[in-house]
Amino acid sequence: MKKVRWGVLSTAKIATVQVIPAMRQCQFAEVVGIASRDAAKAEQAAAELGLAKSYGSYEALLADPDIDAVYNPLPNHLHVPLSIQALAAGKHVLCEKPIGLSVEDALTLVEAGERYPHLKLMEAFMYRHHPQWLQAKQWVDQGRIGALRTIQTFFSYYNRDPENIRHRPEWGGGALMDIGCYPISLSRWLFDDEPRRVQAWLELDPDFQVDRHVVATMQFDAGVATFTCSTQVEPYQRVNIVGSSGRIEIEIPFNAPIDRPCKLWLHQGDSAEQVETPVGSQYTIQGDLLSRAILDDAPVPTPLEDAIANMRVIEAIFAAAESGSWVELAATAAAGAAP
């Protein structure tokens, strides 16, 4: 069976601990090699992960004709430039979220992608492919909770490591870019709409000067989504999706475990239906879905337009927090539109 041959740009933890082991279970993908600016680190990672090749530079991996596609888990400020380099080298691209540092930044990637229409380009929002989220989306679309009215999300972890890339403002660090992008994405997806306006509050870390606590409200035509995200409180995550006649609760919405089933509940009046999803990795599913799109020359599961729309909301939330008032998305979208 033909498989897409993948290379990984960087020895980032998300790649070595989560994505590469998961993609080694793929039916349509094969991880061939890994690159680092430190040749010794790349060689060690390849040996530990059982990969055939290691590269002492990103350029060396991109120049290898045995690599069909690349996964880009580099720091946020390198998402766009390295993804553009990969496209120019003839590689399909799976780029970690958020797609760029700003709408303007991300639009340069869109323009680059248009120059290579035969190559696939996708943002790596892995959660959408997990069975628990497909079930939740199906329940919403079937009207099992009545009309969707509000979504509440909490996502947090604790990290005060001064060496962590999430504490570099010039690299796109902070809570909103790292984990706040998830509640924005899921709310847009479930409402099947874009928010009309947003309001937000954020708190900067006094040492790192990146946002460590963010609370935001997104107003849609059909309802409201609210979320809290933080990088300096007790680790916790939960999503409640509430409609006019029911509620969906997802126990572990984002870092879905791979060693046990995930649980979600459909509450309707006094009854509650619990569903346990099959054991497996959302990264395996993501890798296979994109690899199938590459092999079949089919549309990617999540088009890049969705990544741009998510970036617009991120920018609007930053603007709302700075101004202390509601920010209209129509004005934000117009300001970030391609020339």
C-alpha atoms as a PDB file:
ATOM      1  CA  MET A   1       0.000   0.000   0.000  1.00  0.00           C
ATOM      2  CA  LYS A   2       1.345   3.417  -0.955  1.00  0.00           C
ATOM      3  CA  LYS A   3       2.144   5.700   1.963  1.00  0.00           C
ATOM      4  CA  VAL A   4       3.021   9.378   2.184  1.00  0.00           C
ATOM      5  CA  ARG A   5       6.615   9.785   3.388  1.00  0.00           C
ATOM      6  CA  TRP A   6       6.761  12.404   6.146  1.00  0.00           C
ATOM      7  CA  GLY A   7       9.603  14.473   7.546  1.00  0.00           C
ATOM      8  CA  VAL A   8       9.419  16.435  10.792  1.00  0.00           C
ATOM      9  CA  LEU A   9      10.889  19.922  11.199  1.00  0.00           C
ATOM     10  CA  SER A  10      12.284  20.066  14.759  1.00  0.00           C
ATOM     11  CA  THR A  11      12.641  17.804  17.756  1.00  0.00           C
ATOM     12  CA  ALA A  12       9.900  19.675  19.636  1.00  0.00           C
ATOM     13  CA  LYS A  13       8.212  17.689  22.414  1.00  0.00           C
ATOM     14  CA  ILE A  14       4.836  17.690  20.642  1.00  0.00           C
ATOM     15  CA  ALA A  15       6.534  15.947  17.715  1.00  0.00           C
ATOM     16  CA  THR A  16       8.697  13.413  19.550  1.00  0.00           C
ATOM     17  CA  VAL A  17       6.240  12.501  22.320  1.00  0.00           C
ATOM     18  CA  GLN A  18       2.862  12.772  20.607  1.00  0.00           C
ATOM     19  CA  VAL A  19       2.796  13.127  16.829  1.00  0.00           C
ATOM     20  CA  ILE A  20       5.585  10.869  15.575  1.00  0.00           C
ATOM     21  CA  PRO A  21       4.669   7.834  17.742  1.00  0.00           C
ATOM     22  CA  ALA A  22       1.028   8.300  16.691  1.00  0.00           C
ATOM     23  CA  MET A  23       1.807   8.675  12.999  1.00  0.00           C
ATOM     24  CA  ARG A  24       3.857   5.487  13.101  1.00  0.00           C
ATOM     25  CA  GLN A  25       0.472   3.777  13.572  1.00  0.00           C
ATOM     26  CA  CYS A  26      -0.960   5.361  10.420  1.00  0.00           C
ATOM     27  CA  GLN A  27      -2.222   3.319   7.509  1.00  0.00           C
ATOM     28  CA  PHE A  28      -1.377   5.897   4.855  1.00  0.00           C
ATOM     29  CA  ALA A  29       1.594   7.731   6.394  1.00  0.00           C
ATOM     30  CA  GLU A  30       5.183   6.836   7.184  1.00  0.00           C
ATOM     31  CA  VAL A  31       7.488   9.113   9.189  1.00  0.00           C
ATOM     32  CA  VAL A  32      10.879   8.840   7.499  1.00  0.00           C
ATOM     33  CA  GLY A  33      13.066  11.462   9.157  1.00  0.00           C
ATOM     34  CA  ILE A  34      13.481  14.331  11.579  1.00  0.00           C
ATOM     35  CA  ALA A  35      15.494  17.562  11.365  1.00  0.00           C
ATOM     36  CA  SER A  36      17.078  19.895  13.891  1.00  0.00           C
ATOM     37  CA  ARG A  37      19.547  22.752  13.730  1.00  0.00           C
ATOM     38  CA  ASP A  38      21.599  20.509  16.040  1.00  0.00           C
ATOM     39  CA  ALA A  39      22.640  17.411  14.073  1.00  0.00           C
ATOM     40  CA  ALA A  40      23.330  15.428  17.253  1.00  0.00           C
ATOM     41  CA  LYS A  41      19.832  16.120  18.600  1.00  0.00           C
ATOM     42  CA  ALA A  42      18.265  15.041  15.315  1.00  0.00           C
ATOM     43  CA  GLU A  43      20.340  11.869  15.235  1.00  0.00           C
ATOM     44  CA  GLN A  44      19.440  11.004  18.815  1.00  0.00           C
ATOM     45  CA  ALA A  45      15.733  11.625  18.206  1.00  0.00           C
ATOM     46  CA  ALA A  46      15.768   9.496  15.061  1.00  0.00           C
ATOM     47  CA  ALA A  47      17.466   6.648  16.927  1.00  0.00           C
ATOM     48  CA  GLU A  48      15.022   6.791  19.846  1.00  0.00           C
ATOM     49  CA  LEU A  49      11.997   6.938  17.529  1.00  0.00           C
ATOM     50  CA  GLY A  50      13.221   4.369  15.056  1.00  0.00           C
ATOM     51  CA  LEU A  51      13.344   6.758  12.100  1.00  0.00           C
ATOM     52  CA  ALA A  52      15.488   6.033   9.073  1.00  0.00           C
ATOM     53  CA  LYS A  53      16.911   9.528   8.592  1.00  0.00           C
ATOM     54  CA  SER A  54      18.096  12.551  10.566  1.00  0.00           C
ATOM     55  CA  TYR A  55      19.127  15.965   9.276  1.00  0.00           C
ATOM     56  CA  GLY A  56      21.328  18.661  10.769  1.00  0.00           C
ATOM     57  CA  SER A  57      19.259  21.455   9.231  1.00  0.00           C
ATOM     58  CA  TYR A  58      15.683  22.057   8.111  1.00  0.00           C
ATOM     59  CA  GLU A  59      16.958  22.839   4.616  1.00  0.00           C
ATOM     60  CA  ALA A  60      18.567  19.401   4.349  1.00  0.00           C
ATOM     61  CA  LEU A  61      15.278  17.682   5.096  1.00  0.00           C
ATOM     62  CA  LEU A  62      13.410  19.881   2.615  1.00  0.00           C
ATOM     63  CA  ALA A  63      15.952  19.054  -0.097  1.00  0.00           C
ATOM     64  CA  ASP A  64      15.492  15.293   0.343  1.00  0.00           C
ATOM     65  CA  PRO A  65      13.477  13.837  -2.582  1.00  0.00           C
ATOM     66  CA  ASP A  66      12.455  10.906  -0.348  1.00  0.00           C
ATOM     67  CA  ILE A  67      10.270  13.238   1.736  1.00  0.00           C
ATOM     68  CA  ASP A  68       6.777  13.915   0.359  1.00  0.00           C
ATOM     69  CA  ALA A  69       5.307  15.979   3.205  1.00  0.00           C
ATOM     70  CA  VAL A  70       6.451  17.805   6.324  1.00  0.00           C
ATOM     71  CA  TYR A  71       5.014  18.368   9.770  1.00  0.00           C
ATOM     72  CA  ASN A  72       5.954  21.791  11.146  1.00  0.00           C
ATOM     73  CA  PRO A  73       5.806  21.982  14.988  1.00  0.00           C
ATOM     74  CA  LEU A  74       8.304  24.845  15.231  1.00  0.00           C
ATOM     75  CA  PRO A  75       7.664  27.913  17.437  1.00  0.00           C
ATOM     76  CA  ASN A  76       4.812  30.091  16.209  1.00  0.00           C
ATOM     77  CA  HIS A  77       7.012  32.692  14.522  1.00  0.00           C
ATOM     78  CA  LEU A  78       8.468  29.978  12.263  1.00  0.00           C
ATOM     79  CA  HIS A  79       5.159  28.470  11.162  1.00  0.00           C
ATOM     80  CA  VAL A  80       4.750  30.665   8.104  1.00  0.00           C
ATOM     81  CA  PRO A  81       8.356  31.043   6.846  1.00  0.00           C
ATOM     82  CA  LEU A  82       9.264  27.343   7.167  1.00  0.00           C
ATOM     83  CA  SER A  83       5.946  26.223   5.716  1.00  0.00           C
ATOM     84  CA  ILE A  84       6.557  28.490   2.719  1.00  0.00           C
ATOM     85  CA  GLN A  85      10.042  27.003   2.347  1.00  0.00           C
ATOM     86  CA  ALA A  86       8.524  23.527   2.438  1.00  0.00           C
ATOM     87  CA  LEU A  87       6.024  24.390  -0.283  1.00  0.00           C
ATOM     88  CA  ALA A  88       8.796  25.856  -2.428  1.00  0.00           C
ATOM     89  CA  ALA A  89      10.672  22.566  -1.991  1.00  0.00           C
ATOM     90  CA  GLY A  90       7.668  20.654  -3.306  1.00  0.00           C
ATOM     91  CA  LYS A  91       6.436  19.290   0.034  1.00  0.00           C
ATOM     92  CA  HIS A  92       2.904  19.050   1.373  1.00  0.00           C
ATOM     93  CA  VAL A  93       2.570  20.737   4.775  1.00  0.00           C
ATOM     94  CA  LEU A  94       0.858  20.042   8.084  1.00  0.00           C
ATOM     95  CA  CYS A  95       1.547  23.112  10.237  1.00  0.00           C
ATOM     96  CA  GLU A  96       0.881  23.375  13.947  1.00  0.00           C
ATOM     97  CA  LYS A  97      -1.618  25.862  15.277  1.00  0.00           C
ATOM     98  CA  PRO A  98      -1.898  28.808  15.324  1.00  0.00           C
ATOM     99  CA  ILE A  99      -1.124  29.121  11.647  1.00  0.00           C
ATOM    100  CA  GLY A 100       0.844  32.370  12.104  1.00  0.00           C
ATOM    101  CA  LEU A 101       1.496  35.360  14.313  1.00  0.00           C
ATOM    102  CA  SER A 102      -1.253  37.469  12.747  1.00  0.00           C
ATOM    103  CA  VAL A 103      -3.795  37.487   9.944  1.00  0.00           C
ATOM    104  CA  GLU A 104      -1.341  39.374   7.765  1.00  0.00           C
ATOM    105  CA  ASP A 105       1.361  36.810   8.499  1.00  0.00           C
ATOM    106  CA  ALA A 106      -0.959  33.896   7.753  1.00  0.00           C
ATOM    107  CA  LEU A 107      -2.183  35.434   4.502  1.00  0.00           C
ATOM    108  CA  THR A 108       1.359  35.274   3.131  1.00  0.00           C
ATOM    109  CA  LEU A 109       1.127  31.498   3.597  1.00  0.00           C
ATOM    110  CA  VAL A 110      -2.212  31.421   1.802  1.00  0.00           C
ATOM    111  CA  GLU A 111      -0.692  33.319  -1.105  1.00  0.00           C
ATOM    112  CA  ALA A 112       2.247  30.916  -1.183  1.00  0.00           C
ATOM    113  CA  GLY A 113      -0.112  27.953  -1.187  1.00  0.00           C
ATOM    114  CA  GLU A 114      -1.963  29.366  -4.171  1.00  0.00           C
ATOM    115  CA  ARG A 115       1.305  29.249  -6.134  1.00  0.00           C
ATOM    116  CA  TYR A 116       1.467  25.489  -5.527  1.00  0.00           C
ATOM    117  CA  PRO A 117      -2.104  24.241  -6.070  1.00  0.00           C
ATOM    118  CA  HIS A 118      -0.905  20.631  -6.366  1.00  0.00           C
ATOM    119  CA  LEU A 119       0.369  20.688  -2.761  1.00  0.00           C
ATOM    120  CA  LYS A 120      -1.791  20.209   0.328  1.00  0.00           C
ATOM    121  CA  LEU A 121      -1.557  22.634   3.244  1.00  0.00           C
ATOM    122  CA  MET A 122      -3.405  22.256   6.553  1.00  0.00           C
ATOM    123  CA  GLU A 123      -3.387  23.590  10.107  1.00  0.00           C
ATOM    124  CA  ALA A 124      -2.967  20.874  12.743  1.00  0.00           C
ATOM    125  CA  PHE A 125      -6.081  21.234  14.890  1.00  0.00           C
ATOM    126  CA  MET A 126      -6.080  17.543  15.786  1.00  0.00           C
ATOM    127  CA  TYR A 127      -9.021  17.648  18.221  1.00  0.00           C
ATOM    128  CA  ARG A 128     -11.608  17.993  15.421  1.00  0.00           C
ATOM    129  CA  HIS A 129     -10.789  14.532  14.088  1.00  0.00           C
ATOM    130  CA  HIS A 130     -11.243  12.691  17.389  1.00  0.00           C
ATOM    131  CA  PRO A 131     -14.397  10.501  17.632  1.00  0.00           C
ATOM    132  CA  GLN A 132     -15.588  12.353  20.746  1.00  0.00           C
ATOM    133  CA  TRP A 133     -15.744  15.615  18.817  1.00  0.00           C
ATOM    134  CA  LEU A 134     -17.341  14.016  15.775  1.00  0.00           C
ATOM    135  CA  GLN A 135     -20.013  12.648  18.128  1.00  0.00           C
ATOM    136  CA  ALA A 136     -20.547  16.038  19.785  1.00  0.00           C
ATOM    137  CA  LYS A 137     -20.801  17.767  16.401  1.00  0.00           C
ATOM    138  CA  GLN A 138     -23.296  15.149  15.213  1.00  0.00           C
ATOM    139  CA  TRP A 139     -25.474  15.631  18.297  1.00  0.00           C
ATOM    140  CA  VAL A 140     -25.490  19.403  17.781  1.00  0.00           C
ATOM    141  CA  ASP A 141     -26.288  19.117  14.072  1.00  0.00           C
ATOM    142  CA  GLN A 142     -29.066  16.588  14.757  1.00  0.00           C
ATOM    143  CA  GLY A 143     -30.712  18.961  17.233  1.00  0.00           C
ATOM    144  CA  ARG A 144     -30.265  16.549  20.138  1.00  0.00           C
ATOM    145  CA  ILE A 145     -29.753  19.520  22.503  1.00  0.00           C
ATOM    146  CA  GLY A 146     -32.304  21.709  20.760  1.00  0.00           C
ATOM    147  CA  ALA A 147     -30.980  25.011  19.452  1.00  0.00           C
ATOM    148  CA  LEU A 148     -27.339  25.583  20.377  1.00  0.00           C
ATOM    149  CA  ARG A 149     -27.249  28.610  22.666  1.00  0.00           C
ATOM    150  CA  THR A 150     -23.963  28.719  24.570  1.00  0.00           C
ATOM    151  CA  ILE A 151     -20.580  27.026  24.840  1.00  0.00           C
ATOM    152  CA  GLN A 152     -18.363  27.220  27.922  1.00  0.00           C
ATOM    153  CA  THR A 153     -14.724  26.123  27.772  1.00  0.00           C
ATOM    154  CA  PHE A 154     -11.953  25.959  30.349  1.00  0.00           C
ATOM    155  CA  PHE A 155      -8.396  25.023  29.355  1.00  0.00           C
ATOM    156  CA  SER A 156      -5.341  25.478  31.569  1.00  0.00           C
ATOM    157  CA  TYR A 157      -1.936  24.204  32.638  1.00  0.00           C
ATOM    158  CA  TYR A 158       0.870  25.518  34.863  1.00  0.00           C
ATOM    159  CA  ASN A 159       4.212  26.547  33.369  1.00  0.00           C
ATOM    160  CA  ARG A 160       6.684  29.092  34.738  1.00  0.00           C
ATOM    161  CA  ASP A 161       9.768  27.756  32.946  1.00  0.00           C
ATOM    162  CA  PRO A 162      11.667  30.851  31.715  1.00  0.00           C
ATOM    163  CA  GLU A 163      13.229  28.797  28.893  1.00  0.00           C
ATOM    164  CA  ASN A 164       9.885  27.677  27.484  1.00  0.00           C
ATOM    165  CA  ILE A 165       9.120  29.100  24.027  1.00  0.00           C
ATOM    166  CA  ARG A 166       5.610  30.034  25.201  1.00  0.00           C
ATOM    167  CA  HIS A 167       7.213  32.770  27.293  1.00  0.00           C
ATOM    168  CA  ARG A 168       8.762  34.561  24.303  1.00  0.00           C
ATOM    169  CA  PRO A 169       6.419  37.354  23.146  1.00  0.00           C
ATOM    170  CA  GLU A 170       8.372  37.895  19.929  1.00  0.00           C
ATOM    171  CA  TRP A 171       7.827  34.215  19.090  1.00  0.00           C
ATOM    172  CA  GLY A 172       4.061  34.392  19.549  1.00  0.00           C
ATOM    173  CA  GLY A 173       3.986  33.110  23.126  1.00  0.00           C
ATOM    174  CA  GLY A 174       1.174  33.380  25.623  1.00  0.00           C
ATOM    175  CA  ALA A 175      -1.997  31.562  26.612  1.00  0.00           C
ATOM    176  CA  LEU A 176      -4.304  32.842  23.876  1.00  0.00           C
ATOM    177  CA  MET A 177      -2.072  31.743  20.998  1.00  0.00           C
ATOM    178  CA  ASP A 178      -1.170  28.430  22.631  1.00  0.00           C
ATOM    179  CA  ILE A 179      -4.479  27.154  24.025  1.00  0.00           C
ATOM    180  CA  GLY A 180      -7.062  29.928  23.637  1.00  0.00           C
ATOM    181  CA  CYS A 181      -7.141  29.110  19.939  1.00  0.00           C
ATOM    182  CA  TYR A 182      -8.944  25.834  20.773  1.00  0.00           C
ATOM    183  CA  PRO A 183     -12.155  27.263  22.300  1.00  0.00           C
ATOM    184  CA  ILE A 184     -12.260  29.794  19.457  1.00  0.00           C
ATOM    185  CA  SER A 185     -11.991  27.024  16.882  1.00  0.00           C
ATOM    186  CA  LEU A 186     -14.531  24.681  18.446  1.00  0.00           C
ATOM    187  CA  SER A 187     -17.067  27.478  18.969  1.00  0.00           C
ATOM    188  CA  ARG A 188     -16.865  28.596  15.341  1.00  0.00           C
ATOM    189  CA  TRP A 189     -17.153  24.970  14.235  1.00  0.00           C
ATOM    190  CA  LEU A 190     -20.133  24.049  16.410  1.00  0.00           C
ATOM    191  CA  PHE A 191     -22.069  27.255  15.702  1.00  0.00           C
ATOM    192  CA  ASP A 192     -21.062  26.875  12.025  1.00  0.00           C
ATOM    193  CA  ASP A 193     -20.631  30.630  11.969  1.00  0.00           C
ATOM    194  CA  GLU A 194     -18.206  33.433  12.757  1.00  0.00           C
ATOM    195  CA  PRO A 195     -18.601  35.568  15.901  1.00  0.00           C
ATOM    196  CA  ARG A 196     -20.029  39.026  15.274  1.00  0.00           C
ATOM    197  CA  ARG A 197     -18.135  40.677  18.126  1.00  0.00           C
ATOM    198  CA  VAL A 198     -15.863  39.769  21.043  1.00  0.00           C
ATOM    199  CA  GLN A 199     -15.028  41.071  24.495  1.00  0.00           C
ATOM    200  CA  ALA A 200     -12.005  40.024  26.560  1.00  0.00           C
ATOM    201  CA  TRP A 201      -9.776  40.499  29.577  1.00  0.00           C
ATOM    202  CA  LEU A 202      -6.200  39.296  29.848  1.00  0.00           C
ATOM    203  CA  GLU A 203      -3.390  39.472  32.362  1.00  0.00           C
ATOM    204  CA  LEU A 204       0.281  39.672  31.411  1.00  0.00           C
ATOM    205  CA  ASP A 205       2.998  37.817  33.243  1.00  0.00           C
ATOM    206  CA  PRO A 206       5.164  40.575  34.790  1.00  0.00           C
ATOM    207  CA  ASP A 207       8.395  38.733  33.999  1.00  0.00           C
ATOM    208  CA  PHE A 208       7.725  37.257  30.558  1.00  0.00           C
ATOM    209  CA  GLN A 209       5.315  39.901  29.209  1.00  0.00           C
ATOM    210  CA  VAL A 210       3.032  37.316  27.627  1.00  0.00           C
ATOM    211  CA  ASP A 211      -0.627  36.776  28.473  1.00  0.00           C
ATOM    212  CA  ARG A 212      -1.022  34.155  31.196  1.00  0.00           C
ATOM    213  CA  HIS A 213      -4.769  34.450  31.913  1.00  0.00           C
ATOM    214  CA  VAL A 214      -7.432  35.186  29.283  1.00  0.00           C
ATOM    215  CA  VAL A 215     -11.207  35.362  29.649  1.00  0.00           C
ATOM    216  CA  ALA A 216     -13.223  36.056  26.506  1.00  0.00           C
ATOM    217  CA  THR A 217     -16.771  36.213  25.203  1.00  0.00           C
ATOM    218  CA  MET A 218     -17.697  35.631  21.563  1.00  0.00           C
ATOM    219  CA  GLN A 219     -21.147  36.679  20.415  1.00  0.00           C
ATOM    220  CA  PHE A 220     -22.628  34.727  17.507  1.00  0.00           C
ATOM    221  CA  ASP A 221     -25.975  35.294  15.814  1.00  0.00           C
ATOM    222  CA  ALA A 222     -27.367  32.156  17.464  1.00  0.00           C
ATOM    223  CA  GLY A 223     -25.739  32.441  20.877  1.00  0.00           C
ATOM    224  CA  VAL A 224     -22.646  33.093  22.950  1.00  0.00           C
ATOM    225  CA  ALA A 225     -19.386  31.236  23.610  1.00  0.00           C
ATOM    226  CA  THR A 226     -17.191  32.013  26.605  1.00  0.00           C
ATOM    227  CA  PHE A 227     -13.825  30.637  27.628  1.00  0.00           C
ATOM    228  CA  THR A 228     -11.057  30.904  30.173  1.00  0.00           C
ATOM    229  CA  CYS A 229      -7.537  29.819  29.344  1.00  0.00           C
ATOM    230  CA  SER A 230      -4.472  30.071  31.547  1.00  0.00           C
ATOM    231  CA  THR A 231      -0.862  28.920  31.620  1.00  0.00           C
ATOM    232  CA  GLN A 232      -0.432  29.485  35.353  1.00  0.00           C
ATOM    233  CA  VAL A 233      -3.222  27.699  37.204  1.00  0.00           C
ATOM    234  CA  GLU A 234      -4.067  24.090  38.026  1.00  0.00           C
ATOM    235  CA  PRO A 235      -4.185  21.976  34.840  1.00  0.00           C
ATOM    236  CA  TYR A 236      -7.809  21.419  33.831  1.00  0.00           C
ATOM    237  CA  GLN A 237      -9.931  21.192  30.716  1.00  0.00           C
ATOM    238  CA  ARG A 238     -13.658  20.853  30.138  1.00  0.00           C
ATOM    239  CA  VAL A 239     -16.228  21.849  27.533  1.00  0.00           C
ATOM    240  CA  ASN A 240     -19.982  22.256  28.051  1.00  0.00           C
ATOM    241  CA  ILE A 241     -22.160  22.711  24.972  1.00  0.00           C
ATOM    242  CA  VAL A 242     -25.616  23.904  26.012  1.00  0.00           C
ATOM    243  CA  GLY A 243     -28.793  24.090  23.961  1.00  0.00           C
ATOM    244  CA  SER A 244     -32.439  24.928  24.517  1.00  0.00           C
ATOM    245  CA  SER A 245     -33.284  21.345  25.538  1.00  0.00           C
ATOM    246  CA  GLY A 246     -30.026  19.578  26.324  1.00  0.00           C
ATOM    247  CA  ARG A 247     -26.338  19.739  27.143  1.00  0.00           C
ATOM    248  CA  ILE A 248     -23.164  17.981  25.980  1.00  0.00           C
ATOM    249  CA  GLU A 249     -20.221  17.662  28.342  1.00  0.00           C
ATOM    250  CA  ILE A 250     -16.778  16.537  27.162  1.00  0.00           C
ATOM    251  CA  GLU A 251     -14.488  15.231  29.881  1.00  0.00           C
ATOM    252  CA  ILE A 252     -11.031  15.605  28.259  1.00  0.00           C
ATOM    253  CA  PRO A 253     -11.676  17.679  25.144  1.00  0.00           C
ATOM    254  CA  PHE A 254      -8.184  18.521  23.898  1.00  0.00           C
ATOM    255  CA  ASN A 255      -5.445  16.226  25.275  1.00  0.00           C
ATOM    256  CA  ALA A 256      -7.486  13.106  24.636  1.00  0.00           C
ATOM    257  CA  PRO A 257      -5.746  10.085  26.241  1.00  0.00           C
ATOM    258  CA  ILE A 258      -4.566   7.254  24.014  1.00  0.00           C
ATOM    259  CA  ASP A 259      -4.608   4.503  26.645  1.00  0.00           C
ATOM    260  CA  ARG A 260      -8.301   4.535  27.559  1.00  0.00           C
ATOM    261  CA  PRO A 261     -11.663   5.538  26.087  1.00  0.00           C
ATOM    262  CA  CYS A 262     -12.770   9.150  26.197  1.00  0.00           C
ATOM    263  CA  LYS A 263     -16.103   9.979  27.800  1.00  0.00           C
ATOM    264  CA  LEU A 264     -18.771  12.479  26.826  1.00  0.00           C
ATOM    265  CA  TRP A 265     -22.316  12.884  28.017  1.00  0.00           C
ATOM    266  CA  LEU A 266     -25.578  13.958  26.428  1.00  0.00           C
ATOM    267  CA  HIS A 267     -27.889  15.416  29.075  1.00  0.00           C
ATOM    268  CA  GLN A 268     -31.578  15.812  28.219  1.00  0.00           C
ATOM    269  CA  GLY A 269     -33.835  16.715  31.128  1.00  0.00           C
ATOM    270  CA  ASP A 270     -33.405  14.056  33.813  1.00  0.00           C
ATOM    271  CA  SER A 271     -31.652  11.596  31.526  1.00  0.00           C
ATOM    272  CA  ALA A 272     -27.960  11.334  30.693  1.00  0.00           C
ATOM    273  CA  GLU A 273     -26.416   9.234  27.937  1.00  0.00           C
ATOM    274  CA  GLN A 274     -22.725   8.395  28.343  1.00  0.00           C
ATOM    275  CA  VAL A 275     -20.638   7.534  25.282  1.00  0.00           C
ATOM    276  CA  GLU A 276     -17.140   6.079  25.411  1.00  0.00           C
ATOM    277  CA  THR A 277     -15.092   6.464  22.260  1.00  0.00           C
ATOM    278  CA  PRO A 278     -12.651   3.866  20.895  1.00  0.00           C
ATOM    279  CA  VAL A 279      -9.088   3.961  22.211  1.00  0.00           C
ATOM    280  CA  GLY A 280      -6.717   5.658  19.782  1.00  0.00           C
ATOM    281  CA  SER A 281      -4.773   8.812  19.005  1.00  0.00           C
ATOM    282  CA  GLN A 282      -6.241  11.889  17.378  1.00  0.00           C
ATOM    283  CA  TYR A 283      -2.805  12.460  15.844  1.00  0.00           C
ATOM    284  CA  THR A 284      -2.986   9.106  14.068  1.00  0.00           C
ATOM    285  CA  ILE A 285      -6.390  10.013  12.651  1.00  0.00           C
ATOM    286  CA  GLN A 286      -5.152  13.450  11.576  1.00  0.00           C
ATOM    287  CA  GLY A 287      -2.092  11.950   9.869  1.00  0.00           C
ATOM    288  CA  ASP A 288      -4.150   9.424   7.953  1.00  0.00           C
ATOM    289  CA  LEU A 289      -6.794  11.937   6.897  1.00  0.00           C
ATOM    290  CA  LEU A 290      -4.264  14.354   5.437  1.00  0.00           C
ATOM    291  CA  SER A 291      -2.226  11.550   3.884  1.00  0.00           C
ATOM    292  CA  ARG A 292      -5.350  10.207   2.172  1.00  0.00           C
ATOM    293  CA  ALA A 293      -6.076  13.710   0.841  1.00  0.00           C
ATOM    294  CA  ILE A 294      -2.540  13.804  -0.558  1.00  0.00           C
ATOM    295  CA  LEU A 295      -2.738  10.341  -2.124  1.00  0.00           C
ATOM    296  CA  ASP A 296      -6.201  10.937  -3.596  1.00  0.00           C
ATOM    297  CA  ASP A 297      -5.551  14.594  -4.508  1.00  0.00           C
ATOM    298  CA  ALA A 298      -8.673  15.434  -2.503  1.00  0.00           C
ATOM    299  CA  PRO A 299      -9.512  18.505  -0.383  1.00  0.00           C
ATOM    300  CA  VAL A 300      -7.899  18.596   3.056  1.00  0.00           C
ATOM    301  CA  PRO A 301     -10.202  17.968   6.045  1.00  0.00           C
ATOM    302  CA  THR A 302      -9.768  21.537   7.347  1.00  0.00           C
ATOM    303  CA  PRO A 303      -9.092  24.185   4.664  1.00  0.00           C
ATOM    304  CA  LEU A 304      -6.669  27.010   5.357  1.00  0.00           C
ATOM    305  CA  GLU A 305      -9.516  29.523   5.201  1.00  0.00           C
ATOM    306  CA  ASP A 306     -10.616  28.147   8.572  1.00  0.00           C
ATOM    307  CA  ALA A 307      -7.172  28.876  10.025  1.00  0.00           C
ATOM    308  CA  ILE A 308      -7.343  32.465   8.767  1.00  0.00           C
ATOM    309  CA  ALA A 309     -10.811  32.914  10.269  1.00  0.00           C
ATOM    310  CA  ASN A 310      -9.557  31.623  13.628  1.00  0.00           C
ATOM    311  CA  MET A 311      -6.628  34.036  13.465  1.00  0.00           C
ATOM    312  CA  ARG A 312      -9.035  36.946  12.908  1.00  0.00           C
ATOM    313  CA  VAL A 313     -10.837  36.109  16.156  1.00  0.00           C
ATOM    314  CA  ILE A 314      -7.537  35.820  18.048  1.00  0.00           C
ATOM    315  CA  GLU A 315      -6.566  39.298  16.833  1.00  0.00           C
ATOM    316  CA  ALA A 316      -9.982  40.686  17.764  1.00  0.00           C
ATOM    317  CA  ILE A 317      -9.707  39.259  21.290  1.00  0.00           C
ATOM    318  CA  PHE A 318      -6.300  40.879  21.773  1.00  0.00           C
ATOM    319  CA  ALA A 319      -7.799  44.165  20.529  1.00  0.00           C
ATOM    320  CA  ALA A 320     -10.804  43.851  22.840  1.00  0.00           C
ATOM    321  CA  ALA A 321      -8.601  43.192  25.862  1.00  0.00           C
ATOM    322  CA  GLU A 322      -6.490  46.225  25.038  1.00  0.00           C
ATOM    323  CA  SER A 323      -9.460  48.544  24.484  1.00  0.00           C
ATOM    324  CA  GLY A 324     -11.632  47.211  27.301  1.00  0.00           C
ATOM    325  CA  SER A 325     -14.669  47.192  25.024  1.00  0.00           C
ATOM    326  CA  TRP A 326     -16.433  45.064  22.443  1.00  0.00           C
ATOM    327  CA  VAL A 327     -14.642  44.652  19.104  1.00  0.00           C
ATOM    328  CA  GLU A 328     -16.672  44.044  15.972  1.00  0.00           C
ATOM    329  CA  LEU A 329     -15.369  41.208  13.792  1.00  0.00           C
ATOM    330  CA  ALA A 330     -16.597  42.757  10.538  1.00  0.00           C
ATOM    331  CA  ALA A 331     -14.153  45.622  10.992  1.00  0.00           C
ATOM    332  CA  THR A 332     -11.378  43.210  11.991  1.00  0.00           C
ATOM    333  CA  ALA A 333     -12.004  41.032   8.935  1.00  0.00           C
ATOM    334  CA  ALA A 334     -11.960  44.020   6.609  1.00  0.00           C
ATOM    335  CA  ALA A 335      -8.674  45.217   8.096  1.00  0.00           C
ATOM    336  CA  GLY A 336      -7.076  41.823   7.630  1.00  0.00           C
ATOM    337  CA  ALA A 337      -8.407  41.092   4.176  1.00  0.00           C
ATOM    338  CA  ALA A 338      -5.994  40.246   1.401  1.00  0.00           C
ATOM    339  CA  PRO A 339      -5.110  43.222  -0.825  1.00  0.00           C
END
